[in-house]
Amino acid sequence: MIMTLRACFIGLLVLISQSGYAAIDTYEFKDDLTRERFQALSAELRCPKCQNQNIADSNSPIAKDLRDELYRMLDSGASDTAIVDFMVTRYGEFVLYRPRVSSQTYLLWYAPAGLLSSV
């Protein structure tokens, strides 16, 4: 009886300790340049769920999907601009840490300079 309880307890501890390990993405790249592009783009794209993390650092399922999509697009030969355009079309300007200067983001980019010059 005690041996059975001990075995169940040890089994439970093993299961609990294994659940803390996050899955690590492993991607095989054609060359070092593609690997560097992947790392740079994944650091520049914001996780739509986490909001304060890039997709490289986030463990959320949507960030994993975005990393997989990024890898697929790089593997198929898409340019950085095409990848960023795809992500912005799908998730909006929010996915970029540095939004593009446009009529929608003009105030975001130039209002701080206007406020500082008026002080």
PDB file of N, CA and C in Angstrom:
ATOM      1  N   MET A   1       0.821  -1.189   0.000  1.00  0.00           N
ATOM      2  CA  MET A   1       0.000   0.000   0.000  1.00  0.00           C
ATOM      3  C   MET A   1       0.868   1.256   0.000  1.00  0.00           C
ATOM      4  N   ILE A   2       1.846   1.291   0.881  1.00  0.00           N
ATOM      5  CA  ILE A   2       2.730   2.455   0.958  1.00  0.00           C
ATOM      6  C   ILE A   2       3.572   2.569  -0.306  1.00  0.00           C
ATOM      7  N   MET A   3       4.014   1.437  -0.855  1.00  0.00           N
ATOM      8  CA  MET A   3       4.796   1.453  -2.089  1.00  0.00           C
ATOM      9  C   MET A   3       3.957   1.981  -3.243  1.00  0.00           C
ATOM     10  N   THR A   4       2.680   1.639  -3.295  1.00  0.00           N
ATOM     11  CA  THR A   4       1.796   2.103  -4.354  1.00  0.00           C
ATOM     12  C   THR A   4       1.592   3.608  -4.245  1.00  0.00           C
ATOM     13  N   LEU A   5       1.391   4.108  -3.025  1.00  0.00           N
ATOM     14  CA  LEU A   5       1.242   5.548  -2.829  1.00  0.00           C
ATOM     15  C   LEU A   5       2.526   6.284  -3.196  1.00  0.00           C
ATOM     16  N   ARG A   6       3.646   5.702  -2.812  1.00  0.00           N
ATOM     17  CA  ARG A   6       4.935   6.323  -3.129  1.00  0.00           C
ATOM     18  C   ARG A   6       5.141   6.354  -4.642  1.00  0.00           C
ATOM     19  N   ALA A   7       4.820   5.279  -5.333  1.00  0.00           N
ATOM     20  CA  ALA A   7       4.968   5.224  -6.790  1.00  0.00           C
ATOM     21  C   ALA A   7       4.042   6.236  -7.465  1.00  0.00           C
ATOM     22  N   CYS A   8       2.813   6.358  -6.966  1.00  0.00           N
ATOM     23  CA  CYS A   8       1.876   7.349  -7.522  1.00  0.00           C
ATOM     24  C   CYS A   8       2.381   8.764  -7.288  1.00  0.00           C
ATOM     25  N   PHE A   9       2.911   9.004  -6.110  1.00  0.00           N
ATOM     26  CA  PHE A   9       3.429  10.328  -5.781  1.00  0.00           C
ATOM     27  C   PHE A   9       4.621  10.684  -6.675  1.00  0.00           C
ATOM     28  N   ILE A  10       5.526   9.758  -6.859  1.00  0.00           N
ATOM     29  CA  ILE A  10       6.692   9.986  -7.716  1.00  0.00           C
ATOM     30  C   ILE A  10       6.246  10.203  -9.163  1.00  0.00           C
ATOM     31  N   GLY A  11       5.293   9.393  -9.609  1.00  0.00           N
ATOM     32  CA  GLY A  11       4.762   9.569 -10.966  1.00  0.00           C
ATOM     33  C   GLY A  11       4.124  10.931 -11.157  1.00  0.00           C
ATOM     34  N   LEU A  12       3.388  11.375 -10.149  1.00  0.00           N
ATOM     35  CA  LEU A  12       2.754  12.690 -10.204  1.00  0.00           C
ATOM     36  C   LEU A  12       3.801  13.799 -10.249  1.00  0.00           C
ATOM     37  N   LEU A  13       4.843  13.675  -9.451  1.00  0.00           N
ATOM     38  CA  LEU A  13       5.925  14.666  -9.466  1.00  0.00           C
ATOM     39  C   LEU A  13       6.612  14.728 -10.822  1.00  0.00           C
ATOM     40  N   VAL A  14       6.831  13.592 -11.432  1.00  0.00           N
ATOM     41  CA  VAL A  14       7.462  13.565 -12.753  1.00  0.00           C
ATOM     42  C   VAL A  14       6.575  14.260 -13.782  1.00  0.00           C
ATOM     43  N   LEU A  15       5.294  13.987 -13.750  1.00  0.00           N
ATOM     44  CA  LEU A  15       4.373  14.627 -14.694  1.00  0.00           C
ATOM     45  C   LEU A  15       4.315  16.138 -14.490  1.00  0.00           C
ATOM     46  N   ILE A  16       4.270  16.566 -13.266  1.00  0.00           N
ATOM     47  CA  ILE A  16       4.207  17.996 -12.974  1.00  0.00           C
ATOM     48  C   ILE A  16       5.501  18.685 -13.405  1.00  0.00           C
ATOM     49  N   SER A  17       6.632  18.073 -13.135  1.00  0.00           N
ATOM     50  CA  SER A  17       7.905  18.704 -13.483  1.00  0.00           C
ATOM     51  C   SER A  17       8.099  18.781 -14.993  1.00  0.00           C
ATOM     52  N   GLN A  18       7.549  17.851 -15.738  1.00  0.00           N
ATOM     53  CA  GLN A  18       7.692  17.871 -17.190  1.00  0.00           C
ATOM     54  C   GLN A  18       6.809  18.920 -17.848  1.00  0.00           C
ATOM     55  N   SER A  19       5.721  19.297 -17.212  1.00  0.00           N
ATOM     56  CA  SER A  19       4.812  20.268 -17.823  1.00  0.00           C
ATOM     57  C   SER A  19       5.390  21.676 -17.825  1.00  0.00           C
ATOM     58  N   GLY A  20       6.428  21.931 -17.044  1.00  0.00           N
ATOM     59  CA  GLY A  20       7.027  23.252 -16.981  1.00  0.00           C
ATOM     60  C   GLY A  20       7.954  23.559 -18.145  1.00  0.00           C
ATOM     61  N   TYR A  21       8.342  22.543 -18.892  1.00  0.00           N
ATOM     62  CA  TYR A  21       9.252  22.772 -19.997  1.00  0.00           C
ATOM     63  C   TYR A  21       8.484  23.229 -21.224  1.00  0.00           C
ATOM     64  N   ALA A  22       8.906  24.368 -21.789  1.00  0.00           N
ATOM     65  CA  ALA A  22       8.272  24.884 -23.001  1.00  0.00           C
ATOM     66  C   ALA A  22       8.911  24.206 -24.207  1.00  0.00           C
ATOM     67  N   ALA A  23       8.103  24.040 -25.228  1.00  0.00           N
ATOM     68  CA  ALA A  23       8.623  23.467 -26.460  1.00  0.00           C
ATOM     69  C   ALA A  23       9.544  24.491 -27.127  1.00  0.00           C
ATOM     70  N   ILE A  24      10.640  24.024 -27.639  1.00  0.00           N
ATOM     71  CA  ILE A  24      11.593  24.903 -28.307  1.00  0.00           C
ATOM     72  C   ILE A  24      11.452  24.689 -29.799  1.00  0.00           C
ATOM     73  N   ASP A  25      11.286  25.806 -30.515  1.00  0.00           N
ATOM     74  CA  ASP A  25      11.175  25.720 -31.963  1.00  0.00           C
ATOM     75  C   ASP A  25      12.545  25.404 -32.547  1.00  0.00           C
ATOM     76  N   THR A  26      12.573  24.445 -33.430  1.00  0.00           N
ATOM     77  CA  THR A  26      13.811  24.150 -34.145  1.00  0.00           C
ATOM     78  C   THR A  26      13.519  24.238 -35.628  1.00  0.00           C
ATOM     79  N   TYR A  27      14.220  25.132 -36.271  1.00  0.00           N
ATOM     80  CA  TYR A  27      14.055  25.340 -37.705  1.00  0.00           C
ATOM     81  C   TYR A  27      15.390  25.086 -38.386  1.00  0.00           C
ATOM     82  N   GLU A  28      15.334  24.455 -39.525  1.00  0.00           N
ATOM     83  CA  GLU A  28      16.525  24.207 -40.329  1.00  0.00           C
ATOM     84  C   GLU A  28      16.536  25.214 -41.462  1.00  0.00           C
ATOM     85  N   PHE A  29      17.558  26.040 -41.514  1.00  0.00           N
ATOM     86  CA  PHE A  29      17.648  27.090 -42.511  1.00  0.00           C
ATOM     87  C   PHE A  29      18.604  26.696 -43.629  1.00  0.00           C
ATOM     88  N   LYS A  30      18.361  27.271 -44.804  1.00  0.00           N
ATOM     89  CA  LYS A  30      19.204  26.999 -45.964  1.00  0.00           C
ATOM     90  C   LYS A  30      20.622  27.513 -45.754  1.00  0.00           C
ATOM     91  N   ASP A  31      20.710  28.701 -45.143  1.00  0.00           N
ATOM     92  CA  ASP A  31      22.012  29.323 -44.932  1.00  0.00           C
ATOM     93  C   ASP A  31      21.949  30.262 -43.731  1.00  0.00           C
ATOM     94  N   ASP A  32      23.083  30.821 -43.382  1.00  0.00           N
ATOM     95  CA  ASP A  32      23.147  31.716 -42.222  1.00  0.00           C
ATOM     96  C   ASP A  32      22.394  33.019 -42.449  1.00  0.00           C
ATOM     97  N   LEU A  33      22.363  33.494 -43.681  1.00  0.00           N
ATOM     98  CA  LEU A  33      21.648  34.734 -43.982  1.00  0.00           C
ATOM     99  C   LEU A  33      20.155  34.578 -43.697  1.00  0.00           C
ATOM    100  N   THR A  34      19.581  33.449 -44.065  1.00  0.00           N
ATOM    101  CA  THR A  34      18.158  33.194 -43.802  1.00  0.00           C
ATOM    102  C   THR A  34      17.906  33.108 -42.302  1.00  0.00           C
ATOM    103  N   ARG A  35      18.810  32.491 -41.573  1.00  0.00           N
ATOM    104  CA  ARG A  35      18.690  32.401 -40.109  1.00  0.00           C
ATOM    105  C   ARG A  35      18.723  33.803 -39.483  1.00  0.00           C
ATOM    106  N   GLU A  36      19.624  34.644 -39.964  1.00  0.00           N
ATOM    107  CA  GLU A  36      19.719  36.011 -39.451  1.00  0.00           C
ATOM    108  C   GLU A  36      18.462  36.809 -39.782  1.00  0.00           C
ATOM    109  N   ARG A  37      17.928  36.630 -40.982  1.00  0.00           N
ATOM    110  CA  ARG A  37      16.689  37.308 -41.361  1.00  0.00           C
ATOM    111  C   ARG A  37      15.547  36.862 -40.465  1.00  0.00           C
ATOM    112  N   PHE A  38      15.467  35.563 -40.187  1.00  0.00           N
ATOM    113  CA  PHE A  38      14.425  35.027 -39.308  1.00  0.00           C
ATOM    114  C   PHE A  38      14.541  35.661 -37.918  1.00  0.00           C
ATOM    115  N   GLN A  39      15.743  35.705 -37.384  1.00  0.00           N
ATOM    116  CA  GLN A  39      15.943  36.266 -36.048  1.00  0.00           C
ATOM    117  C   GLN A  39      15.606  37.750 -36.015  1.00  0.00           C
ATOM    118  N   ALA A  40      16.010  38.488 -37.049  1.00  0.00           N
ATOM    119  CA  ALA A  40      15.730  39.924 -37.086  1.00  0.00           C
ATOM    120  C   ALA A  40      14.236  40.193 -37.218  1.00  0.00           C
ATOM    121  N   LEU A  41      13.570  39.471 -38.116  1.00  0.00           N
ATOM    122  CA  LEU A  41      12.136  39.694 -38.311  1.00  0.00           C
ATOM    123  C   LEU A  41      11.330  39.256 -37.090  1.00  0.00           C
ATOM    124  N   SER A  42      11.689  38.140 -36.487  1.00  0.00           N
ATOM    125  CA  SER A  42      10.935  37.681 -35.319  1.00  0.00           C
ATOM    126  C   SER A  42      11.143  38.608 -34.123  1.00  0.00           C
ATOM    127  N   ALA A  43      12.251  39.337 -34.098  1.00  0.00           N
ATOM    128  CA  ALA A  43      12.473  40.323 -33.035  1.00  0.00           C
ATOM    129  C   ALA A  43      11.723  41.621 -33.314  1.00  0.00           C
ATOM    130  N   GLU A  44      11.410  41.895 -34.567  1.00  0.00           N
ATOM    131  CA  GLU A  44      10.728  43.136 -34.952  1.00  0.00           C
ATOM    132  C   GLU A  44       9.209  43.012 -34.965  1.00  0.00           C
ATOM    133  N   LEU A  45       8.697  41.805 -35.010  1.00  0.00           N
ATOM    134  CA  LEU A  45       7.248  41.604 -35.076  1.00  0.00           C
ATOM    135  C   LEU A  45       6.693  41.359 -33.674  1.00  0.00           C
ATOM    136  N   ARG A  46       5.662  42.115 -33.331  1.00  0.00           N
ATOM    137  CA  ARG A  46       5.050  42.048 -32.005  1.00  0.00           C
ATOM    138  C   ARG A  46       4.007  40.931 -31.967  1.00  0.00           C
ATOM    139  N   CYS A  47       3.939  40.239 -30.858  1.00  0.00           N
ATOM    140  CA  CYS A  47       2.922  39.203 -30.656  1.00  0.00           C
ATOM    141  C   CYS A  47       1.559  39.873 -30.482  1.00  0.00           C
ATOM    142  N   PRO A  48       0.566  39.513 -31.288  1.00  0.00           N
ATOM    143  CA  PRO A  48      -0.751  40.135 -31.159  1.00  0.00           C
ATOM    144  C   PRO A  48      -1.430  39.859 -29.818  1.00  0.00           C
ATOM    145  N   LYS A  49      -1.096  38.753 -29.182  1.00  0.00           N
ATOM    146  CA  LYS A  49      -1.725  38.405 -27.909  1.00  0.00           C
ATOM    147  C   LYS A  49      -0.987  39.030 -26.725  1.00  0.00           C
ATOM    148  N   CYS A  50       0.324  38.946 -26.737  1.00  0.00           N
ATOM    149  CA  CYS A  50       1.115  39.387 -25.582  1.00  0.00           C
ATOM    150  C   CYS A  50       1.270  40.899 -25.516  1.00  0.00           C
ATOM    151  N   GLN A  51       1.335  41.553 -26.636  1.00  0.00           N
ATOM    152  CA  GLN A  51       1.409  42.995 -26.794  1.00  0.00           C
ATOM    153  C   GLN A  51       2.732  43.599 -26.358  1.00  0.00           C
ATOM    154  N   ASN A  52       3.417  43.063 -25.390  1.00  0.00           N
ATOM    155  CA  ASN A  52       4.687  43.631 -24.958  1.00  0.00           C
ATOM    156  C   ASN A  52       5.865  42.723 -25.266  1.00  0.00           C
ATOM    157  N   GLN A  53       5.643  41.698 -26.058  1.00  0.00           N
ATOM    158  CA  GLN A  53       6.711  40.781 -26.426  1.00  0.00           C
ATOM    159  C   GLN A  53       6.731  40.625 -27.937  1.00  0.00           C
ATOM    160  N   ASN A  54       7.920  40.371 -28.446  1.00  0.00           N
ATOM    161  CA  ASN A  54       7.990  40.052 -29.861  1.00  0.00           C
ATOM    162  C   ASN A  54       7.700  38.564 -30.042  1.00  0.00           C
ATOM    163  N   ILE A  55       7.546  38.143 -31.278  1.00  0.00           N
ATOM    164  CA  ILE A  55       7.170  36.741 -31.498  1.00  0.00           C
ATOM    165  C   ILE A  55       8.324  35.796 -31.188  1.00  0.00           C
ATOM    166  N   ALA A  56       9.547  36.316 -31.137  1.00  0.00           N
ATOM    167  CA  ALA A  56      10.686  35.475 -30.783  1.00  0.00           C
ATOM    168  C   ALA A  56      10.661  35.091 -29.306  1.00  0.00           C
ATOM    169  N   ASP A  57      10.190  36.001 -28.455  1.00  0.00           N
ATOM    170  CA  ASP A  57      10.219  35.774 -27.006  1.00  0.00           C
ATOM    171  C   ASP A  57       8.926  35.216 -26.434  1.00  0.00           C
ATOM    172  N   SER A  58       7.854  35.278 -27.196  1.00  0.00           N
ATOM    173  CA  SER A  58       6.548  34.881 -26.673  1.00  0.00           C
ATOM    174  C   SER A  58       6.333  33.373 -26.770  1.00  0.00           C
ATOM    175  N   ASN A  59       5.661  32.828 -25.771  1.00  0.00           N
ATOM    176  CA  ASN A  59       5.302  31.404 -25.772  1.00  0.00           C
ATOM    177  C   ASN A  59       3.844  31.171 -26.151  1.00  0.00           C
ATOM    178  N   SER A  60       3.138  32.216 -26.553  1.00  0.00           N
ATOM    179  CA  SER A  60       1.724  32.057 -26.877  1.00  0.00           C
ATOM    180  C   SER A  60       1.557  31.262 -28.181  1.00  0.00           C
ATOM    181  N   PRO A  61       0.443  30.576 -28.330  1.00  0.00           N
ATOM    182  CA  PRO A  61       0.202  29.797 -29.550  1.00  0.00           C
ATOM    183  C   PRO A  61       0.201  30.657 -30.818  1.00  0.00           C
ATOM    184  N   ILE A  62      -0.307  31.893 -30.742  1.00  0.00           N
ATOM    185  CA  ILE A  62      -0.332  32.747 -31.930  1.00  0.00           C
ATOM    186  C   ILE A  62       1.089  33.138 -32.328  1.00  0.00           C
ATOM    187  N   ALA A  63       1.971  33.350 -31.361  1.00  0.00           N
ATOM    188  CA  ALA A  63       3.365  33.667 -31.678  1.00  0.00           C
ATOM    189  C   ALA A  63       4.040  32.479 -32.342  1.00  0.00           C
ATOM    190  N   LYS A  64       3.731  31.284 -31.877  1.00  0.00           N
ATOM    191  CA  LYS A  64       4.276  30.075 -32.517  1.00  0.00           C
ATOM    192  C   LYS A  64       3.793  29.987 -33.953  1.00  0.00           C
ATOM    193  N   ASP A  65       2.502  30.255 -34.185  1.00  0.00           N
ATOM    194  CA  ASP A  65       1.972  30.240 -35.549  1.00  0.00           C
ATOM    195  C   ASP A  65       2.659  31.281 -36.427  1.00  0.00           C
ATOM    196  N   LEU A  66       2.911  32.459 -35.871  1.00  0.00           N
ATOM    197  CA  LEU A  66       3.587  33.511 -36.632  1.00  0.00           C
ATOM    198  C   LEU A  66       5.035  33.123 -36.936  1.00  0.00           C
ATOM    199  N   ARG A  67       5.713  32.491 -35.996  1.00  0.00           N
ATOM    200  CA  ARG A  67       7.082  32.026 -36.271  1.00  0.00           C
ATOM    201  C   ARG A  67       7.079  30.972 -37.356  1.00  0.00           C
ATOM    202  N   ASP A  68       6.106  30.057 -37.303  1.00  0.00           N
ATOM    203  CA  ASP A  68       6.001  29.030 -38.342  1.00  0.00           C
ATOM    204  C   ASP A  68       5.730  29.652 -39.706  1.00  0.00           C
ATOM    205  N   GLU A  69       4.840  30.636 -39.749  1.00  0.00           N
ATOM    206  CA  GLU A  69       4.527  31.322 -41.007  1.00  0.00           C
ATOM    207  C   GLU A  69       5.741  32.095 -41.508  1.00  0.00           C
ATOM    208  N   LEU A  70       6.443  32.749 -40.615  1.00  0.00           N
ATOM    209  CA  LEU A  70       7.659  33.468 -40.978  1.00  0.00           C
ATOM    210  C   LEU A  70       8.683  32.509 -41.570  1.00  0.00           C
ATOM    211  N   TYR A  71       8.872  31.362 -40.937  1.00  0.00           N
ATOM    212  CA  TYR A  71       9.809  30.367 -41.451  1.00  0.00           C
ATOM    213  C   TYR A  71       9.378  29.878 -42.826  1.00  0.00           C
ATOM    214  N   ARG A  72       8.088  29.604 -42.980  1.00  0.00           N
ATOM    215  CA  ARG A  72       7.579  29.112 -44.268  1.00  0.00           C
ATOM    216  C   ARG A  72       7.809  30.141 -45.371  1.00  0.00           C
ATOM    217  N   MET A  73       7.540  31.406 -45.065  1.00  0.00           N
ATOM    218  CA  MET A  73       7.707  32.449 -46.071  1.00  0.00           C
ATOM    219  C   MET A  73       9.190  32.661 -46.418  1.00  0.00           C
ATOM    220  N   LEU A  74      10.061  32.611 -45.419  1.00  0.00           N
ATOM    221  CA  LEU A  74      11.490  32.729 -45.700  1.00  0.00           C
ATOM    222  C   LEU A  74      11.987  31.555 -46.523  1.00  0.00           C
ATOM    223  N   ASP A  75      11.504  30.365 -46.187  1.00  0.00           N
ATOM    224  CA  ASP A  75      11.907  29.159 -46.899  1.00  0.00           C
ATOM    225  C   ASP A  75      11.453  29.189 -48.358  1.00  0.00           C
ATOM    226  N   SER A  76      10.310  29.844 -48.610  1.00  0.00           N
ATOM    227  CA  SER A  76       9.808  29.922 -49.989  1.00  0.00           C
ATOM    228  C   SER A  76      10.435  31.077 -50.767  1.00  0.00           C
ATOM    229  N   GLY A  77      11.289  31.883 -50.103  1.00  0.00           N
ATOM    230  CA  GLY A  77      12.019  32.928 -50.807  1.00  0.00           C
ATOM    231  C   GLY A  77      11.379  34.301 -50.771  1.00  0.00           C
ATOM    232  N   ALA A  78      10.420  34.526 -49.886  1.00  0.00           N
ATOM    233  CA  ALA A  78       9.759  35.827 -49.787  1.00  0.00           C
ATOM    234  C   ALA A  78      10.739  36.876 -49.251  1.00  0.00           C
ATOM    235  N   SER A  79      10.586  38.100 -49.707  1.00  0.00           N
ATOM    236  CA  SER A  79      11.439  39.196 -49.234  1.00  0.00           C
ATOM    237  C   SER A  79      10.953  39.668 -47.862  1.00  0.00           C
ATOM    238  N   ASP A  80      11.810  40.402 -47.170  1.00  0.00           N
ATOM    239  CA  ASP A  80      11.440  40.941 -45.860  1.00  0.00           C
ATOM    240  C   ASP A  80      10.233  41.863 -45.981  1.00  0.00           C
ATOM    241  N   THR A  81      10.214  42.672 -47.030  1.00  0.00           N
ATOM    242  CA  THR A  81       9.094  43.587 -47.247  1.00  0.00           C
ATOM    243  C   THR A  81       7.794  42.828 -47.462  1.00  0.00           C
ATOM    244  N   ALA A  82       7.842  41.764 -48.244  1.00  0.00           N
ATOM    245  CA  ALA A  82       6.638  40.961 -48.494  1.00  0.00           C
ATOM    246  C   ALA A  82       6.138  40.309 -47.207  1.00  0.00           C
ATOM    247  N   ILE A  83       7.056  39.868 -46.379  1.00  0.00           N
ATOM    248  CA  ILE A  83       6.677  39.226 -45.113  1.00  0.00           C
ATOM    249  C   ILE A  83       6.030  40.239 -44.182  1.00  0.00           C
ATOM    250  N   VAL A  84       6.650  41.406 -44.056  1.00  0.00           N
ATOM    251  CA  VAL A  84       6.096  42.450 -43.178  1.00  0.00           C
ATOM    252  C   VAL A  84       4.740  42.911 -43.706  1.00  0.00           C
ATOM    253  N   ASP A  85       4.613  43.083 -45.023  1.00  0.00           N
ATOM    254  CA  ASP A  85       3.331  43.479 -45.611  1.00  0.00           C
ATOM    255  C   ASP A  85       2.248  42.441 -45.321  1.00  0.00           C
ATOM    256  N   PHE A  86       2.592  41.164 -45.416  1.00  0.00           N
ATOM    257  CA  PHE A  86       1.634  40.093 -45.119  1.00  0.00           C
ATOM    258  C   PHE A  86       1.180  40.162 -43.663  1.00  0.00           C
ATOM    259  N   MET A  87       2.135  40.332 -42.742  1.00  0.00           N
ATOM    260  CA  MET A  87       1.793  40.381 -41.321  1.00  0.00           C
ATOM    261  C   MET A  87       0.940  41.606 -40.993  1.00  0.00           C
ATOM    262  N   VAL A  88       1.262  42.756 -41.609  1.00  0.00           N
ATOM    263  CA  VAL A  88       0.485  43.970 -41.372  1.00  0.00           C
ATOM    264  C   VAL A  88      -0.917  43.824 -41.948  1.00  0.00           C
ATOM    265  N   THR A  89      -1.026  43.227 -43.126  1.00  0.00           N
ATOM    266  CA  THR A  89      -2.346  43.008 -43.717  1.00  0.00           C
ATOM    267  C   THR A  89      -3.193  42.108 -42.828  1.00  0.00           C
ATOM    268  N   ARG A  90      -2.573  41.122 -42.254  1.00  0.00           N
ATOM    269  CA  ARG A  90      -3.306  40.156 -41.432  1.00  0.00           C
ATOM    270  C   ARG A  90      -3.608  40.666 -40.027  1.00  0.00           C
ATOM    271  N   TYR A  91      -2.647  41.374 -39.397  1.00  0.00           N
ATOM    272  CA  TYR A  91      -2.787  41.757 -37.990  1.00  0.00           C
ATOM    273  C   TYR A  91      -2.805  43.264 -37.750  1.00  0.00           C
ATOM    274  N   GLY A  92      -2.613  44.060 -38.769  1.00  0.00           N
ATOM    275  CA  GLY A  92      -2.625  45.509 -38.620  1.00  0.00           C
ATOM    276  C   GLY A  92      -1.256  46.057 -38.247  1.00  0.00           C
ATOM    277  N   GLU A  93      -1.159  47.378 -38.209  1.00  0.00           N
ATOM    278  CA  GLU A  93       0.103  48.048 -37.890  1.00  0.00           C
ATOM    279  C   GLU A  93       0.597  47.704 -36.490  1.00  0.00           C
ATOM    280  N   PHE A  94      -0.299  47.243 -35.638  1.00  0.00           N
ATOM    281  CA  PHE A  94       0.065  46.912 -34.262  1.00  0.00           C
ATOM    282  C   PHE A  94       1.163  45.855 -34.201  1.00  0.00           C
ATOM    283  N   VAL A  95       1.238  45.004 -35.197  1.00  0.00           N
ATOM    284  CA  VAL A  95       2.216  43.919 -35.183  1.00  0.00           C
ATOM    285  C   VAL A  95       3.648  44.450 -35.334  1.00  0.00           C
ATOM    286  N   LEU A  96       3.797  45.707 -35.745  1.00  0.00           N
ATOM    287  CA  LEU A  96       5.120  46.305 -35.902  1.00  0.00           C
ATOM    288  C   LEU A  96       5.486  47.113 -34.661  1.00  0.00           C
ATOM    289  N   TYR A  97       6.689  46.934 -34.164  1.00  0.00           N
ATOM    290  CA  TYR A  97       7.147  47.769 -33.055  1.00  0.00           C
ATOM    291  C   TYR A  97       7.380  49.195 -33.515  1.00  0.00           C
ATOM    292  N   ARG A  98       7.797  49.363 -34.759  1.00  0.00           N
ATOM    293  CA  ARG A  98       7.993  50.688 -35.348  1.00  0.00           C
ATOM    294  C   ARG A  98       7.025  50.844 -36.514  1.00  0.00           C
ATOM    295  N   PRO A  99       5.817  51.345 -36.254  1.00  0.00           N
ATOM    296  CA  PRO A  99       4.834  51.484 -37.331  1.00  0.00           C
ATOM    297  C   PRO A  99       5.363  52.383 -38.447  1.00  0.00           C
ATOM    298  N   ARG A 100       4.889  52.126 -39.646  1.00  0.00           N
ATOM    299  CA  ARG A 100       5.291  52.923 -40.797  1.00  0.00           C
ATOM    300  C   ARG A 100       4.694  54.326 -40.706  1.00  0.00           C
ATOM    301  N   VAL A 101       5.384  55.290 -41.300  1.00  0.00           N
ATOM    302  CA  VAL A 101       4.862  56.651 -41.365  1.00  0.00           C
ATOM    303  C   VAL A 101       3.828  56.686 -42.483  1.00  0.00           C
ATOM    304  N   SER A 102       2.588  56.978 -42.103  1.00  0.00           N
ATOM    305  CA  SER A 102       1.492  57.073 -43.068  1.00  0.00           C
ATOM    306  C   SER A 102       0.495  58.092 -42.531  1.00  0.00           C
ATOM    307  N   SER A 103      -0.562  58.299 -43.286  1.00  0.00           N
ATOM    308  CA  SER A 103      -1.571  59.261 -42.824  1.00  0.00           C
ATOM    309  C   SER A 103      -2.209  58.804 -41.510  1.00  0.00           C
ATOM    310  N   GLN A 104      -2.248  57.521 -41.266  1.00  0.00           N
ATOM    311  CA  GLN A 104      -2.844  57.000 -40.038  1.00  0.00           C
ATOM    312  C   GLN A 104      -1.899  57.102 -38.844  1.00  0.00           C
ATOM    313  N   THR A 105      -0.599  57.105 -39.099  1.00  0.00           N
ATOM    314  CA  THR A 105       0.368  57.134 -37.995  1.00  0.00           C
ATOM    315  C   THR A 105       1.141  58.447 -37.926  1.00  0.00           C
ATOM    316  N   TYR A 106       0.754  59.422 -38.724  1.00  0.00           N
ATOM    317  CA  TYR A 106       1.452  60.714 -38.760  1.00  0.00           C
ATOM    318  C   TYR A 106       1.484  61.361 -37.383  1.00  0.00           C
ATOM    319  N   LEU A 107       0.354  61.381 -36.718  1.00  0.00           N
ATOM    320  CA  LEU A 107       0.269  61.978 -35.388  1.00  0.00           C
ATOM    321  C   LEU A 107       1.170  61.241 -34.391  1.00  0.00           C
ATOM    322  N   LEU A 108       1.207  59.926 -34.494  1.00  0.00           N
ATOM    323  CA  LEU A 108       2.046  59.111 -33.610  1.00  0.00           C
ATOM    324  C   LEU A 108       3.518  59.486 -33.752  1.00  0.00           C
ATOM    325  N   TRP A 109       3.962  59.709 -34.964  1.00  0.00           N
ATOM    326  CA  TRP A 109       5.368  60.000 -35.220  1.00  0.00           C
ATOM    327  C   TRP A 109       5.753  61.438 -34.922  1.00  0.00           C
ATOM    328  N   TYR A 110       4.884  62.403 -35.226  1.00  0.00           N
ATOM    329  CA  TYR A 110       5.300  63.801 -35.173  1.00  0.00           C
ATOM    330  C   TYR A 110       4.706  64.606 -34.019  1.00  0.00           C
ATOM    331  N   ALA A 111       3.726  64.098 -33.324  1.00  0.00           N
ATOM    332  CA  ALA A 111       3.152  64.823 -32.190  1.00  0.00           C
ATOM    333  C   ALA A 111       4.171  65.045 -31.068  1.00  0.00           C
ATOM    334  N   PRO A 112       5.003  64.060 -30.723  1.00  0.00           N
ATOM    335  CA  PRO A 112       5.987  64.307 -29.655  1.00  0.00           C
ATOM    336  C   PRO A 112       6.946  65.452 -29.990  1.00  0.00           C
ATOM    337  N   ALA A 113       7.371  65.545 -31.245  1.00  0.00           N
ATOM    338  CA  ALA A 113       8.270  66.636 -31.643  1.00  0.00           C
ATOM    339  C   ALA A 113       7.553  67.965 -31.538  1.00  0.00           C
ATOM    340  N   GLY A 114       6.272  68.005 -31.918  1.00  0.00           N
ATOM    341  CA  GLY A 114       5.484  69.243 -31.814  1.00  0.00           C
ATOM    342  C   GLY A 114       5.285  69.650 -30.373  1.00  0.00           C
ATOM    343  N   LEU A 115       5.060  68.693 -29.514  1.00  0.00           N
ATOM    344  CA  LEU A 115       4.887  68.997 -28.089  1.00  0.00           C
ATOM    345  C   LEU A 115       6.186  69.503 -27.467  1.00  0.00           C
ATOM    346  N   LEU A 116       7.307  68.923 -27.857  1.00  0.00           N
ATOM    347  CA  LEU A 116       8.589  69.353 -27.304  1.00  0.00           C
ATOM    348  C   LEU A 116       8.978  70.750 -27.788  1.00  0.00           C
ATOM    349  N   SER A 117       8.643  71.059 -29.040  1.00  0.00           N
ATOM    350  CA  SER A 117       9.016  72.373 -29.578  1.00  0.00           C
ATOM    351  C   SER A 117       8.164  73.485 -28.969  1.00  0.00           C
ATOM    352  N   SER A 118       6.986  73.160 -28.448  1.00  0.00           N
ATOM    353  CA  SER A 118       6.106  74.179 -27.870  1.00  0.00           C
ATOM    354  C   SER A 118       6.444  74.456 -26.405  1.00  0.00           C
ATOM    355  N   VAL A 119       7.331  73.659 -25.834  1.00  0.00           N
ATOM    356  CA  VAL A 119       7.693  73.831 -24.423  1.00  0.00           C
ATOM    357  C   VAL A 119       8.766  74.850 -24.241  1.00  0.00           C
TER     358      VAL A 119
END
